[in-house]
Each structure stands twice: as C-alpha cells, then as structure tokens.
C-alpha cells in the first residue's frame, strides 16, 4: 500500500482555492496536469510502499503524535515550484503557518513512522500544496507570478490523515486517494 501522512484543508478552503485555480485550468498547455481539488493536501511525510501488516503500529504511533499536537492556524498563500521555477516539475501554493507548527508536526510524524519501522522518503520538508505537475521541466515564472498573488482564508488544522495513493486510478488518470486513518490534535 502506497501511503503518506498529510494535513487536509477543509472544504471551504478547497472551494476558495478552486475558484482561483479554475480559470487557469482552461489555459491550453499540454505540459500541465492540474491536481484534482479533492486530492489537495499538505504532505507531512511520504512513506511510499508500506506492507499492510505495518499499518496498525504506524496508526498507533501517528495517533500518539497527533494527541500531543495542539490545533493551529494555517493559510494557503504564495507560490513556488520544485525543483526550481526555471525547470519546474511541480507548481505549488505555499502555506502560511504563523505559529511555525508544520515543521514540528512533520518531524513528529516522520519520527512516528520510523519508530513503526516505516522509512520516510523524500527531501527536506517544505510546506506546500501541489497545484499541478508538469510532464517535462518547464519555466513556470508566469504561473508563479499568478499564484503568488493568491491569499486563501485561514483555517485551524485539527488533525492528520494517513492516506493511501493508487496511481493512475483517479481523475484524468492521476492518483486516487483514500483516507486510511485520521487522528485529531488534542495537545
């Protein structure tokens, strides 16, 4: 099972961003594959393929990590690209986290996964929400300028989710996501 841990924005935040993104989706650009609104999330830890027998302990450890976390406020804002704006493969909107809780939460969820015997894949944590993937490296400076002006509504993050990803089974042959577990912040 291909898994990751994420914070998922509430419906009203997704709707606001969707309203901003929608007119841009109609722009004819074969290199851009826009992410489906229902898949938007902020990844804390990408776990990759995890044997099903490890998911119980993983869930228990993620639940403990969530219980130590206090709810905190977030806002989607700004834009960027990975690996860089000049040769982007991913276009994203940023996450404003005034209390600077996301890096700590990413560290504790990654630690929980490691303690459950599940290695965490990926690079240094950069809080973001993926808007689009590009079929080949492309200069996205104009897209970053457009999305850099976006300022979404604030919301209170109150939980983390363990999500399974089924590649090629979602909208437009993208990934389909299913929540495997969700744990509230009790801090």
N, C-alpha and C. Protein backbone atom coordinates (compact mmCIF):
# COMPACT_ATOMS: atom_id res chain seq x y z
N UNK A 1 0.85 -1.17 0.00
CA UNK A 1 0.00 0.00 0.00
C UNK A 1 0.90 1.24 0.00
N UNK A 2 0.65 2.16 -0.92
CA UNK A 2 1.43 3.40 -1.04
C UNK A 2 0.79 4.45 -0.13
N UNK A 3 1.54 4.96 0.87
CA UNK A 3 0.96 5.82 1.90
C UNK A 3 1.72 7.13 2.08
N UNK A 4 0.98 8.13 2.58
CA UNK A 4 1.59 9.36 3.05
C UNK A 4 0.76 9.93 4.19
N UNK A 5 1.36 10.82 4.98
CA UNK A 5 0.69 11.49 6.10
C UNK A 5 0.51 12.94 5.69
N UNK A 6 -0.68 13.49 5.94
CA UNK A 6 -0.97 14.85 5.46
C UNK A 6 -1.94 15.58 6.37
N UNK A 7 -1.94 16.90 6.21
CA UNK A 7 -2.98 17.78 6.72
C UNK A 7 -3.84 18.12 5.51
N UNK A 8 -5.15 17.96 5.65
CA UNK A 8 -6.07 18.22 4.55
C UNK A 8 -6.88 19.47 4.86
N UNK A 9 -6.86 20.46 3.97
CA UNK A 9 -7.64 21.68 4.21
C UNK A 9 -9.14 21.39 4.21
N UNK A 10 -9.91 22.16 4.97
CA UNK A 10 -11.36 21.96 4.98
C UNK A 10 -12.00 22.38 3.66
N UNK A 11 -13.23 21.96 3.47
CA UNK A 11 -13.95 22.16 2.21
C UNK A 11 -13.99 23.63 1.78
N UNK A 12 -14.22 24.55 2.70
CA UNK A 12 -14.33 25.97 2.32
C UNK A 12 -12.99 26.53 1.81
N UNK A 13 -11.88 26.02 2.32
CA UNK A 13 -10.56 26.43 1.84
C UNK A 13 -10.32 25.86 0.44
N UNK A 14 -10.68 24.61 0.25
CA UNK A 14 -10.54 23.97 -1.07
C UNK A 14 -11.40 24.71 -2.09
N UNK A 15 -12.62 25.06 -1.73
CA UNK A 15 -13.51 25.79 -2.65
C UNK A 15 -12.94 27.14 -3.03
N UNK A 16 -12.36 27.86 -2.07
CA UNK A 16 -11.78 29.17 -2.36
C UNK A 16 -10.61 29.04 -3.34
N UNK A 17 -9.71 28.10 -3.08
CA UNK A 17 -8.58 27.89 -3.97
C UNK A 17 -9.06 27.41 -5.34
N UNK A 18 -10.04 26.54 -5.36
CA UNK A 18 -10.58 26.04 -6.62
C UNK A 18 -11.14 27.17 -7.48
N UNK A 19 -11.82 28.11 -6.85
CA UNK A 19 -12.36 29.27 -7.57
C UNK A 19 -11.23 30.07 -8.21
N UNK A 20 -10.10 30.18 -7.52
CA UNK A 20 -8.95 30.92 -8.05
C UNK A 20 -8.25 30.14 -9.17
N UNK A 21 -8.15 28.82 -9.01
CA UNK A 21 -7.42 27.98 -9.97
C UNK A 21 -8.24 27.73 -11.24
N UNK A 22 -9.54 27.58 -11.10
CA UNK A 22 -10.39 27.12 -12.20
C UNK A 22 -10.17 27.85 -13.53
N UNK A 23 -10.15 29.19 -13.57
CA UNK A 23 -9.95 29.85 -14.88
C UNK A 23 -8.59 29.53 -15.51
N UNK A 24 -7.61 29.19 -14.69
CA UNK A 24 -6.27 28.89 -15.21
C UNK A 24 -6.23 27.48 -15.81
N UNK A 25 -7.09 26.59 -15.34
CA UNK A 25 -7.12 25.22 -15.86
C UNK A 25 -7.52 25.18 -17.33
N UNK A 26 -8.24 26.18 -17.78
CA UNK A 26 -8.69 26.21 -19.17
C UNK A 26 -7.60 26.66 -20.13
N UNK A 27 -6.49 27.16 -19.59
CA UNK A 27 -5.39 27.61 -20.44
C UNK A 27 -4.80 26.42 -21.19
N UNK A 28 -4.72 26.51 -22.51
CA UNK A 28 -4.21 25.36 -23.28
C UNK A 28 -2.70 25.18 -23.08
N UNK A 29 -2.34 24.20 -22.30
CA UNK A 29 -0.93 23.89 -22.06
C UNK A 29 -0.83 22.39 -21.81
N UNK A 30 -0.37 21.67 -22.80
CA UNK A 30 -0.31 20.20 -22.70
C UNK A 30 0.70 19.72 -21.67
N UNK A 31 1.62 20.60 -21.24
CA UNK A 31 2.64 20.19 -20.28
C UNK A 31 2.12 20.16 -18.85
N UNK A 32 1.00 20.84 -18.59
CA UNK A 32 0.49 20.95 -17.21
C UNK A 32 -0.63 19.95 -16.97
N UNK A 33 -0.49 19.20 -15.87
CA UNK A 33 -1.54 18.31 -15.38
C UNK A 33 -1.99 18.85 -14.03
N UNK A 34 -3.14 19.49 -14.01
CA UNK A 34 -3.64 20.10 -12.78
C UNK A 34 -4.10 19.03 -11.80
N UNK A 35 -3.76 19.22 -10.54
CA UNK A 35 -4.20 18.28 -9.50
C UNK A 35 -5.69 18.46 -9.25
N UNK A 36 -6.37 17.36 -9.00
CA UNK A 36 -7.80 17.40 -8.70
C UNK A 36 -8.03 18.02 -7.32
N UNK A 37 -9.03 18.88 -7.23
CA UNK A 37 -9.32 19.58 -5.97
C UNK A 37 -9.46 18.60 -4.80
N UNK A 38 -10.13 17.48 -5.04
CA UNK A 38 -10.38 16.53 -3.95
C UNK A 38 -9.10 15.84 -3.46
N UNK A 39 -8.01 16.03 -4.19
CA UNK A 39 -6.72 15.44 -3.78
C UNK A 39 -5.80 16.45 -3.09
N UNK A 40 -6.22 17.68 -2.93
CA UNK A 40 -5.34 18.69 -2.35
C UNK A 40 -5.06 18.38 -0.88
N UNK A 41 -3.78 18.48 -0.52
CA UNK A 41 -3.34 18.20 0.84
C UNK A 41 -1.95 18.79 1.05
N UNK A 42 -1.52 18.82 2.29
CA UNK A 42 -0.17 19.25 2.64
C UNK A 42 0.55 18.01 3.18
N UNK A 43 1.48 17.48 2.42
CA UNK A 43 2.18 16.26 2.82
C UNK A 43 3.16 16.55 3.95
N UNK A 44 3.06 15.77 5.00
CA UNK A 44 3.99 15.85 6.13
C UNK A 44 5.09 14.79 6.00
N UNK A 45 4.71 13.61 5.53
CA UNK A 45 5.66 12.50 5.38
C UNK A 45 5.18 11.59 4.26
N UNK A 46 6.04 11.36 3.27
CA UNK A 46 5.73 10.40 2.22
C UNK A 46 6.39 9.08 2.59
N UNK A 47 5.58 8.03 2.67
CA UNK A 47 6.07 6.75 3.16
C UNK A 47 6.31 5.73 2.06
N UNK A 48 5.77 5.96 0.88
CA UNK A 48 5.93 5.00 -0.21
C UNK A 48 5.19 3.71 0.08
N UNK A 49 5.70 2.61 -0.46
CA UNK A 49 5.06 1.31 -0.28
C UNK A 49 5.26 0.81 1.15
N UNK A 50 4.15 0.54 1.82
CA UNK A 50 4.17 0.06 3.21
C UNK A 50 3.41 -1.26 3.26
N UNK A 51 4.03 -2.31 3.80
CA UNK A 51 3.31 -3.58 3.95
C UNK A 51 2.10 -3.39 4.86
N UNK A 52 1.00 -4.02 4.51
CA UNK A 52 -0.23 -3.84 5.27
C UNK A 52 -0.06 -4.24 6.74
N UNK A 53 0.79 -5.20 7.03
CA UNK A 53 0.97 -5.64 8.41
C UNK A 53 1.63 -4.58 9.29
N UNK A 54 2.22 -3.55 8.69
CA UNK A 54 2.84 -2.48 9.48
C UNK A 54 1.87 -1.33 9.77
N UNK A 55 0.70 -1.34 9.15
CA UNK A 55 -0.19 -0.18 9.28
C UNK A 55 -0.80 -0.01 10.67
N UNK A 56 -1.02 -1.10 11.40
CA UNK A 56 -1.59 -0.96 12.75
C UNK A 56 -0.64 -0.20 13.67
N UNK A 57 0.62 -0.63 13.73
CA UNK A 57 1.58 0.07 14.58
C UNK A 57 1.81 1.49 14.09
N UNK A 58 1.86 1.67 12.78
CA UNK A 58 2.01 3.01 12.22
C UNK A 58 0.86 3.91 12.68
N UNK A 59 -0.36 3.41 12.60
CA UNK A 59 -1.52 4.17 13.04
C UNK A 59 -1.46 4.53 14.51
N UNK A 60 -1.05 3.58 15.34
CA UNK A 60 -0.93 3.84 16.78
C UNK A 60 0.08 4.94 17.07
N UNK A 61 1.20 4.90 16.38
CA UNK A 61 2.24 5.90 16.61
C UNK A 61 1.83 7.28 16.07
N UNK A 62 1.13 7.29 14.94
CA UNK A 62 0.63 8.57 14.42
C UNK A 62 -0.44 9.15 15.34
N UNK A 63 -1.27 8.30 15.90
CA UNK A 63 -2.29 8.76 16.84
C UNK A 63 -1.63 9.43 18.05
N UNK A 64 -0.58 8.82 18.60
CA UNK A 64 0.14 9.42 19.74
C UNK A 64 0.75 10.77 19.36
N UNK A 65 1.32 10.85 18.16
CA UNK A 65 1.90 12.12 17.70
C UNK A 65 0.82 13.19 17.59
N UNK A 66 -0.33 12.83 17.06
CA UNK A 66 -1.44 13.79 16.90
C UNK A 66 -1.95 14.24 18.27
N UNK A 67 -2.05 13.32 19.20
CA UNK A 67 -2.59 13.67 20.51
C UNK A 67 -1.71 14.68 21.25
N UNK A 68 -0.43 14.75 20.92
CA UNK A 68 0.47 15.72 21.56
C UNK A 68 0.44 17.10 20.88
N UNK A 69 -0.17 17.16 19.70
CA UNK A 69 -0.20 18.40 18.91
C UNK A 69 -1.43 19.23 19.25
N UNK A 70 -1.23 20.54 19.43
CA UNK A 70 -2.36 21.46 19.59
C UNK A 70 -2.84 21.91 18.22
N UNK A 71 -4.15 22.17 18.07
CA UNK A 71 -4.62 22.75 16.81
C UNK A 71 -3.90 24.07 16.54
N UNK A 72 -3.72 24.41 15.27
CA UNK A 72 -3.03 25.65 14.90
C UNK A 72 -3.58 26.17 13.59
N UNK A 73 -3.38 27.47 13.36
CA UNK A 73 -3.94 28.13 12.18
C UNK A 73 -2.99 28.08 10.99
N UNK A 74 -3.60 27.89 9.81
CA UNK A 74 -2.87 27.86 8.55
C UNK A 74 -3.60 28.71 7.52
N UNK A 75 -2.88 29.07 6.46
CA UNK A 75 -3.46 29.80 5.33
C UNK A 75 -2.64 29.48 4.09
N UNK A 76 -3.31 29.18 2.99
CA UNK A 76 -2.62 28.97 1.72
C UNK A 76 -2.29 30.33 1.14
N UNK A 77 -1.04 30.49 0.72
CA UNK A 77 -0.60 31.80 0.26
C UNK A 77 0.69 31.67 -0.54
N UNK A 78 0.78 32.45 -1.62
CA UNK A 78 2.01 32.48 -2.40
C UNK A 78 2.14 31.30 -3.33
N UNK A 79 3.33 31.17 -3.93
CA UNK A 79 3.54 30.11 -4.91
C UNK A 79 5.02 29.80 -5.06
N UNK A 80 5.30 28.67 -5.69
CA UNK A 80 6.66 28.27 -5.96
C UNK A 80 6.65 27.05 -6.86
N UNK A 81 7.83 26.48 -7.07
CA UNK A 81 7.95 25.31 -7.95
C UNK A 81 9.12 24.46 -7.50
N UNK A 82 9.00 23.16 -7.75
CA UNK A 82 10.10 22.21 -7.50
C UNK A 82 10.58 21.67 -8.83
N UNK A 83 11.84 21.45 -9.07
CA UNK A 83 12.93 21.80 -8.16
C UNK A 83 13.25 23.29 -8.18
N UNK A 84 12.86 23.99 -9.23
CA UNK A 84 13.03 25.45 -9.28
C UNK A 84 12.03 26.02 -10.28
N UNK A 85 11.87 27.32 -10.26
CA UNK A 85 10.93 27.98 -11.17
C UNK A 85 11.40 27.83 -12.62
N UNK A 86 12.69 27.82 -12.85
CA UNK A 86 13.24 27.75 -14.21
C UNK A 86 13.06 26.39 -14.88
N UNK A 87 13.04 25.32 -14.08
CA UNK A 87 12.87 23.98 -14.67
C UNK A 87 11.94 23.14 -13.80
N UNK A 88 10.73 23.66 -13.65
CA UNK A 88 9.75 23.08 -12.73
C UNK A 88 9.18 21.75 -13.20
N UNK A 89 8.94 20.88 -12.24
CA UNK A 89 8.17 19.65 -12.45
C UNK A 89 6.88 19.69 -11.62
N UNK A 90 6.88 20.58 -10.60
CA UNK A 90 5.73 20.73 -9.72
C UNK A 90 5.49 22.22 -9.47
N UNK A 91 4.24 22.66 -9.63
CA UNK A 91 3.81 24.03 -9.31
C UNK A 91 2.98 23.94 -8.04
N UNK A 92 3.27 24.80 -7.07
CA UNK A 92 2.56 24.72 -5.79
C UNK A 92 2.19 26.08 -5.22
N UNK A 93 1.23 26.05 -4.29
CA UNK A 93 0.94 27.22 -3.47
C UNK A 93 1.52 26.94 -2.10
N UNK A 94 1.98 28.01 -1.46
CA UNK A 94 2.62 27.88 -0.17
C UNK A 94 1.62 27.81 0.98
N UNK A 95 2.15 27.61 2.18
CA UNK A 95 1.33 27.51 3.38
C UNK A 95 1.90 28.48 4.41
N UNK A 96 1.08 29.42 4.82
CA UNK A 96 1.49 30.34 5.88
C UNK A 96 1.12 29.71 7.21
N UNK A 97 2.11 29.61 8.07
CA UNK A 97 1.99 28.94 9.37
C UNK A 97 2.64 29.85 10.41
N UNK A 98 1.89 30.83 10.87
CA UNK A 98 2.43 31.86 11.78
C UNK A 98 3.03 31.25 13.05
N UNK A 99 2.45 30.18 13.55
CA UNK A 99 2.94 29.55 14.78
C UNK A 99 4.10 28.58 14.51
N UNK A 100 4.45 28.39 13.24
CA UNK A 100 5.55 27.51 12.82
C UNK A 100 5.39 26.09 13.38
N UNK A 101 4.17 25.56 13.29
CA UNK A 101 3.87 24.23 13.81
C UNK A 101 4.08 23.12 12.77
N UNK A 102 3.94 23.43 11.49
CA UNK A 102 4.06 22.38 10.46
C UNK A 102 5.42 21.68 10.46
N UNK A 103 6.54 22.41 10.56
CA UNK A 103 7.82 21.68 10.58
C UNK A 103 7.92 20.72 11.75
N UNK A 104 7.44 21.14 12.92
CA UNK A 104 7.46 20.25 14.09
C UNK A 104 6.55 19.04 13.85
N UNK A 105 5.36 19.28 13.32
CA UNK A 105 4.42 18.19 13.05
C UNK A 105 5.00 17.22 12.02
N UNK A 106 5.65 17.75 11.00
CA UNK A 106 6.30 16.88 10.00
C UNK A 106 7.38 16.02 10.67
N UNK A 107 8.15 16.63 11.55
CA UNK A 107 9.21 15.89 12.24
C UNK A 107 8.61 14.79 13.12
N UNK A 108 7.54 15.09 13.87
CA UNK A 108 6.97 14.08 14.76
C UNK A 108 6.27 12.96 13.98
N UNK A 109 5.64 13.28 12.86
CA UNK A 109 5.01 12.21 12.08
C UNK A 109 6.06 11.34 11.40
N UNK A 110 7.14 11.95 10.95
CA UNK A 110 8.23 11.18 10.34
C UNK A 110 8.89 10.28 11.39
N UNK A 111 9.06 10.82 12.59
CA UNK A 111 9.63 10.03 13.68
C UNK A 111 8.71 8.86 14.04
N UNK A 112 7.41 9.12 14.09
CA UNK A 112 6.44 8.06 14.39
C UNK A 112 6.52 6.95 13.34
N UNK A 113 6.63 7.32 12.08
CA UNK A 113 6.74 6.33 11.01
C UNK A 113 8.02 5.52 11.17
N UNK A 114 9.12 6.19 11.42
CA UNK A 114 10.39 5.49 11.58
C UNK A 114 10.34 4.51 12.75
N UNK A 115 9.72 4.93 13.86
CA UNK A 115 9.61 4.04 15.03
C UNK A 115 8.73 2.83 14.74
N UNK A 116 7.82 2.97 13.79
CA UNK A 116 6.97 1.84 13.38
C UNK A 116 7.66 0.97 12.34
N UNK A 117 8.92 1.31 12.02
CA UNK A 117 9.66 0.53 11.04
C UNK A 117 9.33 0.88 9.61
N UNK A 118 8.78 2.10 9.42
CA UNK A 118 8.40 2.55 8.08
C UNK A 118 9.32 3.72 7.71
N UNK A 119 10.25 3.51 6.79
CA UNK A 119 11.14 4.61 6.40
C UNK A 119 10.38 5.71 5.64
N UNK A 120 10.80 6.94 5.87
CA UNK A 120 10.19 8.09 5.21
C UNK A 120 11.02 8.45 4.00
N UNK A 121 10.34 8.66 2.87
CA UNK A 121 11.02 9.03 1.64
C UNK A 121 10.95 10.55 1.47
N UNK A 122 11.77 11.07 0.58
CA UNK A 122 11.66 12.48 0.22
C UNK A 122 12.75 13.35 0.80
N UNK A 123 12.59 14.61 0.52
CA UNK A 123 13.57 15.63 0.87
C UNK A 123 13.17 16.37 2.14
N UNK A 124 13.91 17.43 2.38
CA UNK A 124 13.61 18.33 3.48
C UNK A 124 12.17 18.83 3.35
N UNK A 125 11.49 18.97 4.47
CA UNK A 125 10.09 19.39 4.47
C UNK A 125 9.95 20.85 4.02
N UNK A 126 9.13 21.06 3.00
CA UNK A 126 8.76 22.39 2.53
C UNK A 126 7.24 22.43 2.47
N UNK A 127 6.59 23.17 3.39
CA UNK A 127 5.12 23.17 3.40
C UNK A 127 4.55 23.74 2.10
N UNK A 128 3.72 22.94 1.44
CA UNK A 128 3.13 23.37 0.16
C UNK A 128 1.93 22.50 -0.16
N UNK A 129 1.14 22.95 -1.09
CA UNK A 129 0.02 22.19 -1.64
C UNK A 129 0.23 22.16 -3.15
N UNK A 130 0.36 20.96 -3.72
CA UNK A 130 0.63 20.83 -5.15
C UNK A 130 -0.59 21.22 -5.97
N UNK A 131 -0.39 22.17 -6.88
CA UNK A 131 -1.45 22.60 -7.80
C UNK A 131 -1.39 21.83 -9.11
N UNK A 132 -0.17 21.58 -9.59
CA UNK A 132 -0.02 20.94 -10.89
C UNK A 132 1.33 20.25 -10.99
N UNK A 133 1.37 19.25 -11.84
CA UNK A 133 2.62 18.58 -12.20
C UNK A 133 2.86 18.85 -13.67
N UNK A 134 4.14 18.88 -14.03
CA UNK A 134 4.49 19.17 -15.42
C UNK A 134 5.13 17.95 -16.05
N UNK A 135 4.75 17.68 -17.28
CA UNK A 135 5.22 16.47 -17.98
C UNK A 135 6.71 16.50 -18.26
N UNK A 136 7.26 17.68 -18.37
CA UNK A 136 8.70 17.85 -18.61
C UNK A 136 9.13 19.12 -17.87
N UNK A 137 10.41 19.30 -17.59
CA UNK A 137 10.83 20.53 -16.91
C UNK A 137 10.49 21.77 -17.75
N UNK A 138 9.81 22.72 -17.11
CA UNK A 138 9.32 23.91 -17.80
C UNK A 138 9.59 25.13 -16.93
N UNK A 139 9.87 26.26 -17.56
CA UNK A 139 9.98 27.54 -16.84
C UNK A 139 8.56 28.00 -16.51
N UNK A 140 8.24 28.12 -15.23
CA UNK A 140 6.88 28.46 -14.81
C UNK A 140 6.82 29.85 -14.13
N UNK A 141 7.72 30.73 -14.50
CA UNK A 141 7.77 32.03 -13.85
C UNK A 141 6.41 32.77 -13.95
N UNK A 142 5.75 32.69 -15.09
CA UNK A 142 4.47 33.41 -15.20
C UNK A 142 3.40 32.77 -14.32
N UNK A 143 3.41 31.43 -14.19
CA UNK A 143 2.45 30.77 -13.31
C UNK A 143 2.73 31.12 -11.85
N UNK A 144 3.99 31.15 -11.47
CA UNK A 144 4.34 31.51 -10.09
C UNK A 144 3.90 32.95 -9.81
N UNK A 145 4.07 33.84 -10.76
CA UNK A 145 3.61 35.22 -10.57
C UNK A 145 2.10 35.29 -10.37
N UNK A 146 1.36 34.49 -11.13
CA UNK A 146 -0.10 34.47 -10.99
C UNK A 146 -0.51 33.94 -9.63
N UNK A 147 0.05 32.80 -9.24
CA UNK A 147 -0.36 32.17 -7.99
C UNK A 147 0.28 32.82 -6.76
N UNK A 148 1.33 33.59 -6.97
CA UNK A 148 1.95 34.28 -5.85
C UNK A 148 1.01 35.33 -5.24
N UNK A 149 0.04 35.78 -6.01
CA UNK A 149 -0.92 36.78 -5.50
C UNK A 149 -2.06 36.13 -4.72
N UNK A 150 -2.16 34.80 -4.74
CA UNK A 150 -3.25 34.13 -4.04
C UNK A 150 -3.08 34.21 -2.53
N UNK A 151 -4.16 34.53 -1.85
CA UNK A 151 -4.21 34.57 -0.39
C UNK A 151 -5.52 33.94 0.03
N UNK A 152 -5.47 32.72 0.51
CA UNK A 152 -6.69 32.00 0.89
C UNK A 152 -7.15 32.33 2.29
N UNK A 153 -8.32 31.83 2.66
CA UNK A 153 -8.84 32.05 4.01
C UNK A 153 -8.04 31.22 5.02
N UNK A 154 -7.94 31.71 6.25
CA UNK A 154 -7.25 30.93 7.27
C UNK A 154 -8.19 29.87 7.82
N UNK A 155 -7.60 28.82 8.34
CA UNK A 155 -8.37 27.76 8.97
C UNK A 155 -7.53 27.16 10.08
N UNK A 156 -8.17 26.40 10.95
CA UNK A 156 -7.47 25.73 12.04
C UNK A 156 -7.27 24.27 11.68
N UNK A 157 -5.99 23.88 11.61
CA UNK A 157 -5.65 22.47 11.38
C UNK A 157 -5.92 21.73 12.68
N UNK A 158 -6.71 20.66 12.59
CA UNK A 158 -7.12 19.94 13.80
C UNK A 158 -6.83 18.45 13.76
N UNK A 159 -6.24 17.98 12.65
CA UNK A 159 -5.98 16.54 12.55
C UNK A 159 -4.94 16.24 11.47
N UNK A 160 -4.45 15.01 11.52
CA UNK A 160 -3.61 14.48 10.44
C UNK A 160 -4.33 13.26 9.87
N UNK A 161 -4.00 12.95 8.62
CA UNK A 161 -4.58 11.77 7.97
C UNK A 161 -3.46 10.90 7.41
N UNK A 162 -3.68 9.61 7.49
CA UNK A 162 -2.86 8.64 6.78
C UNK A 162 -3.64 8.29 5.53
N UNK A 163 -3.04 8.53 4.37
CA UNK A 163 -3.76 8.42 3.10
C UNK A 163 -3.06 7.42 2.19
N UNK A 164 -3.86 6.57 1.55
CA UNK A 164 -3.31 5.66 0.55
C UNK A 164 -3.47 6.29 -0.83
N UNK A 165 -2.50 6.02 -1.68
CA UNK A 165 -2.48 6.59 -3.02
C UNK A 165 -2.43 5.46 -4.03
N UNK A 166 -3.42 5.46 -4.94
CA UNK A 166 -3.46 4.46 -6.01
C UNK A 166 -3.18 5.19 -7.32
N UNK A 167 -1.98 5.03 -7.81
CA UNK A 167 -1.56 5.76 -9.01
C UNK A 167 -2.37 5.33 -10.22
N UNK A 168 -2.72 6.33 -11.05
CA UNK A 168 -3.42 6.08 -12.30
C UNK A 168 -4.89 5.73 -12.16
N UNK A 169 -5.44 5.76 -10.95
CA UNK A 169 -6.83 5.36 -10.74
C UNK A 169 -7.74 6.52 -10.38
N UNK A 170 -7.23 7.76 -10.44
CA UNK A 170 -8.03 8.92 -10.09
C UNK A 170 -8.44 9.72 -11.29
N UNK A 171 -8.92 10.94 -11.06
CA UNK A 171 -9.34 11.82 -12.15
C UNK A 171 -8.20 12.06 -13.15
N UNK A 172 -8.53 12.04 -14.42
CA UNK A 172 -7.56 12.26 -15.51
C UNK A 172 -6.35 11.34 -15.41
N UNK A 173 -6.58 10.12 -14.96
CA UNK A 173 -5.53 9.11 -14.80
C UNK A 173 -4.48 9.49 -13.77
N UNK A 174 -4.82 10.41 -12.87
CA UNK A 174 -3.94 10.75 -11.76
C UNK A 174 -4.14 9.76 -10.62
N UNK A 175 -3.71 10.14 -9.45
CA UNK A 175 -3.83 9.27 -8.28
C UNK A 175 -5.22 9.37 -7.65
N UNK A 176 -5.67 8.26 -7.11
CA UNK A 176 -6.89 8.23 -6.29
C UNK A 176 -6.43 8.09 -4.85
N UNK A 177 -7.02 8.89 -3.95
CA UNK A 177 -6.63 8.88 -2.55
C UNK A 177 -7.76 8.36 -1.68
N UNK A 178 -7.40 7.57 -0.66
CA UNK A 178 -8.34 7.07 0.32
C UNK A 178 -7.75 7.29 1.71
N UNK A 179 -8.54 7.82 2.63
CA UNK A 179 -8.09 8.01 4.00
C UNK A 179 -8.10 6.66 4.71
N UNK A 180 -6.95 6.27 5.24
CA UNK A 180 -6.79 5.02 5.96
C UNK A 180 -7.05 5.25 7.45
N UNK A 181 -6.65 6.42 7.95
CA UNK A 181 -6.86 6.78 9.35
C UNK A 181 -6.78 8.29 9.52
N UNK A 182 -7.47 8.79 10.53
CA UNK A 182 -7.42 10.23 10.85
C UNK A 182 -7.39 10.37 12.36
N UNK A 183 -6.50 11.26 12.84
CA UNK A 183 -6.34 11.45 14.27
C UNK A 183 -6.35 12.94 14.60
N UNK A 184 -7.17 13.30 15.60
CA UNK A 184 -7.33 14.70 16.00
C UNK A 184 -6.20 15.16 16.90
N UNK A 185 -5.91 16.45 16.81
CA UNK A 185 -4.93 17.08 17.69
C UNK A 185 -5.61 17.33 19.04
N UNK A 186 -4.99 16.86 20.10
CA UNK A 186 -5.57 17.02 21.41
C UNK A 186 -4.73 17.90 22.33
N UNK A 187 -3.41 18.07 21.98
CA UNK A 187 -2.45 18.86 22.71
C UNK A 187 -2.95 19.49 23.92
